[in-house]
Amino acid sequence: MWDLLRFHTFVTPWVLLGVYYMGALLMPLGIYYLMKRLGTRIEGGSTQEPHRPSAGETEQGDRPRVSRGWKLRLVAVAAWLMGELAWRIFIEFFVAYFQMREALAGS
């Protein structure tokens, strides 16, 4: 206990493990929330221009509308994978730092 109070022992390596798992579990939820919010904006029409029929089209429009849902899901999966990888690299940097510090302090 005395080493902990005099900063000879760090609690950070143990805390980093908890922070990693919390971030790894909360990141997909955050990405899901953002993608649902973005999907609502796109499908709601706030970011789309209104369709104007061109020559040869009827007022209803003969052109089929392509759903952007699969693109949004692809972006969500890519964001999740890249986010998890970046989070892992970020935490590994700190774990390596504390391992180097312990190795240097021990010798």
C-alpha atoms as a PDB file:
ATOM      1  CA  MET A   1       0.000   0.000   0.000  1.00  0.00           C
ATOM      2  CA  TRP A   2       2.837   2.348   0.838  1.00  0.00           C
ATOM      3  CA  ASP A   3       4.334   1.831  -2.661  1.00  0.00           C
ATOM      4  CA  LEU A   4       1.009   2.769  -4.183  1.00  0.00           C
ATOM      5  CA  LEU A   5       0.827   5.992  -2.150  1.00  0.00           C
ATOM      6  CA  ARG A   6       4.405   6.937  -3.078  1.00  0.00           C
ATOM      7  CA  PHE A   7       3.780   6.175  -6.791  1.00  0.00           C
ATOM      8  CA  HIS A   8       6.230   3.277  -6.923  1.00  0.00           C
ATOM      9  CA  THR A   9       3.375   1.055  -8.097  1.00  0.00           C
ATOM     10  CA  PHE A  10       0.915   2.235 -10.720  1.00  0.00           C
ATOM     11  CA  VAL A  11      -2.728   1.212 -10.885  1.00  0.00           C
ATOM     12  CA  THR A  12      -2.954   2.324 -14.498  1.00  0.00           C
ATOM     13  CA  PRO A  13      -2.191  -1.082 -16.125  1.00  0.00           C
ATOM     14  CA  TRP A  14      -5.173  -2.600 -14.291  1.00  0.00           C
ATOM     15  CA  VAL A  15      -7.385   0.381 -15.039  1.00  0.00           C
ATOM     16  CA  LEU A  16      -6.379   0.282 -18.731  1.00  0.00           C
ATOM     17  CA  LEU A  17      -7.806  -3.202 -19.072  1.00  0.00           C
ATOM     18  CA  GLY A  18     -11.173  -2.035 -17.758  1.00  0.00           C
ATOM     19  CA  VAL A  19     -11.107   1.074 -19.952  1.00  0.00           C
ATOM     20  CA  TYR A  20     -10.347  -1.063 -22.992  1.00  0.00           C
ATOM     21  CA  TYR A  21     -13.297  -3.397 -22.432  1.00  0.00           C
ATOM     22  CA  MET A  22     -15.678  -0.542 -21.659  1.00  0.00           C
ATOM     23  CA  GLY A  23     -14.653   1.232 -24.860  1.00  0.00           C
ATOM     24  CA  ALA A  24     -14.803  -1.969 -26.902  1.00  0.00           C
ATOM     25  CA  LEU A  25     -18.360  -2.600 -25.705  1.00  0.00           C
ATOM     26  CA  LEU A  26     -19.621   0.979 -25.892  1.00  0.00           C
ATOM     27  CA  MET A  27     -18.141   1.801 -29.309  1.00  0.00           C
ATOM     28  CA  PRO A  28     -20.541  -0.419 -31.307  1.00  0.00           C
ATOM     29  CA  LEU A  29     -23.481   1.104 -29.432  1.00  0.00           C
ATOM     30  CA  GLY A  30     -22.273   4.612 -30.246  1.00  0.00           C
ATOM     31  CA  ILE A  31     -21.726   3.762 -33.903  1.00  0.00           C
ATOM     32  CA  TYR A  32     -25.179   2.151 -34.072  1.00  0.00           C
ATOM     33  CA  TYR A  33     -26.765   5.281 -32.585  1.00  0.00           C
ATOM     34  CA  LEU A  34     -24.925   7.581 -35.016  1.00  0.00           C
ATOM     35  CA  MET A  35     -25.806   5.440 -38.024  1.00  0.00           C
ATOM     36  CA  LYS A  36     -29.479   5.297 -37.029  1.00  0.00           C
ATOM     37  CA  ARG A  37     -29.479   9.066 -36.636  1.00  0.00           C
ATOM     38  CA  LEU A  38     -27.703   9.553 -39.968  1.00  0.00           C
ATOM     39  CA  GLY A  39     -30.027   7.054 -41.658  1.00  0.00           C
ATOM     40  CA  THR A  40     -33.052   8.948 -40.400  1.00  0.00           C
ATOM     41  CA  ARG A  41     -31.687  12.183 -41.814  1.00  0.00           C
ATOM     42  CA  ILE A  42     -30.952  10.622 -45.199  1.00  0.00           C
ATOM     43  CA  GLU A  43     -34.241   8.752 -45.507  1.00  0.00           C
ATOM     44  CA  GLY A  44     -36.153  11.726 -44.124  1.00  0.00           C
ATOM     45  CA  GLY A  45     -35.127  13.777 -47.105  1.00  0.00           C
ATOM     46  CA  SER A  46     -33.379  16.564 -45.253  1.00  0.00           C
ATOM     47  CA  THR A  47     -30.140  15.942 -47.168  1.00  0.00           C
ATOM     48  CA  GLN A  48     -31.681  14.979 -50.524  1.00  0.00           C
ATOM     49  CA  GLU A  49     -32.714  17.265 -53.308  1.00  0.00           C
ATOM     50  CA  PRO A  50     -36.278  16.860 -54.501  1.00  0.00           C
ATOM     51  CA  HIS A  51     -36.650  14.736 -57.632  1.00  0.00           C
ATOM     52  CA  ARG A  52     -37.587  16.758 -60.688  1.00  0.00           C
ATOM     53  CA  PRO A  53     -38.905  14.719 -63.599  1.00  0.00           C
ATOM     54  CA  SER A  54     -36.836  15.072 -66.731  1.00  0.00           C
ATOM     55  CA  ALA A  55     -38.074  14.898 -70.316  1.00  0.00           C
ATOM     56  CA  GLY A  56     -39.657  11.523 -70.924  1.00  0.00           C
ATOM     57  CA  GLU A  57     -40.539  10.847 -67.287  1.00  0.00           C
ATOM     58  CA  THR A  58     -44.000  11.120 -65.863  1.00  0.00           C
ATOM     59  CA  GLU A  59     -44.840  13.264 -62.867  1.00  0.00           C
ATOM     60  CA  GLN A  60     -44.575  10.246 -60.556  1.00  0.00           C
ATOM     61  CA  GLY A  61     -41.141   9.435 -61.970  1.00  0.00           C
ATOM     62  CA  ASP A  62     -40.376   6.225 -63.792  1.00  0.00           C
ATOM     63  CA  ARG A  63     -36.888   6.039 -62.321  1.00  0.00           C
ATOM     64  CA  PRO A  64     -36.697   3.541 -59.433  1.00  0.00           C
ATOM     65  CA  ARG A  65     -35.245   4.941 -56.236  1.00  0.00           C
ATOM     66  CA  VAL A  66     -32.265   2.997 -54.941  1.00  0.00           C
ATOM     67  CA  SER A  67     -32.200   2.455 -51.199  1.00  0.00           C
ATOM     68  CA  ARG A  68     -29.160   3.799 -49.412  1.00  0.00           C
ATOM     69  CA  GLY A  69     -29.627   1.355 -46.550  1.00  0.00           C
ATOM     70  CA  TRP A  70     -26.995  -1.135 -47.679  1.00  0.00           C
ATOM     71  CA  LYS A  71     -24.448   1.658 -48.144  1.00  0.00           C
ATOM     72  CA  LEU A  72     -25.153   2.948 -44.664  1.00  0.00           C
ATOM     73  CA  ARG A  73     -24.751  -0.540 -43.207  1.00  0.00           C
ATOM     74  CA  LEU A  74     -21.461  -0.985 -45.049  1.00  0.00           C
ATOM     75  CA  VAL A  75     -20.192   2.321 -43.664  1.00  0.00           C
ATOM     76  CA  ALA A  76     -21.321   1.298 -40.164  1.00  0.00           C
ATOM     77  CA  VAL A  77     -19.471  -2.026 -40.325  1.00  0.00           C
ATOM     78  CA  ALA A  78     -16.321  -0.354 -41.685  1.00  0.00           C
ATOM     79  CA  ALA A  79     -16.496   2.322 -38.962  1.00  0.00           C
ATOM     80  CA  TRP A  80     -16.925  -0.348 -36.309  1.00  0.00           C
ATOM     81  CA  LEU A  81     -13.938  -2.386 -37.535  1.00  0.00           C
ATOM     82  CA  MET A  82     -11.673   0.633 -37.893  1.00  0.00           C
ATOM     83  CA  GLY A  83     -12.790   2.021 -34.548  1.00  0.00           C
ATOM     84  CA  GLU A  84     -12.111  -1.236 -32.720  1.00  0.00           C
ATOM     85  CA  LEU A  85      -8.688  -1.527 -34.357  1.00  0.00           C
ATOM     86  CA  ALA A  86      -7.756   2.060 -33.505  1.00  0.00           C
ATOM     87  CA  TRP A  87      -8.990   1.615 -29.920  1.00  0.00           C
ATOM     88  CA  ARG A  88      -6.916  -1.553 -29.528  1.00  0.00           C
ATOM     89  CA  ILE A  89      -3.765   0.142 -30.882  1.00  0.00           C
ATOM     90  CA  PHE A  90      -4.341   3.148 -28.608  1.00  0.00           C
ATOM     91  CA  ILE A  91      -4.614   0.986 -25.485  1.00  0.00           C
ATOM     92  CA  GLU A  92      -1.675  -1.236 -26.514  1.00  0.00           C
ATOM     93  CA  PHE A  93       0.515   1.859 -26.708  1.00  0.00           C
ATOM     94  CA  PHE A  94      -0.174   2.646 -23.067  1.00  0.00           C
ATOM     95  CA  VAL A  95       0.234  -0.975 -21.965  1.00  0.00           C
ATOM     96  CA  ALA A  96       3.628  -1.124 -23.721  1.00  0.00           C
ATOM     97  CA  TYR A  97       4.625   2.168 -22.087  1.00  0.00           C
ATOM     98  CA  PHE A  98       3.919   0.836 -18.602  1.00  0.00           C
ATOM     99  CA  GLN A  99       5.655  -2.460 -19.341  1.00  0.00           C
ATOM    100  CA  MET A 100       8.763  -0.559 -20.472  1.00  0.00           C
ATOM    101  CA  ARG A 101       8.620   1.587 -17.363  1.00  0.00           C
ATOM    102  CA  GLU A 102       8.398  -1.468 -15.109  1.00  0.00           C
ATOM    103  CA  ALA A 103      11.281  -3.163 -16.943  1.00  0.00           C
ATOM    104  CA  LEU A 104      13.475  -0.067 -16.626  1.00  0.00           C
ATOM    105  CA  ALA A 105      12.550   0.522 -13.001  1.00  0.00           C
ATOM    106  CA  GLY A 106      13.228  -3.123 -12.117  1.00  0.00           C
ATOM    107  CA  SER A 107      16.796  -3.096 -13.424  1.00  0.00           C
END
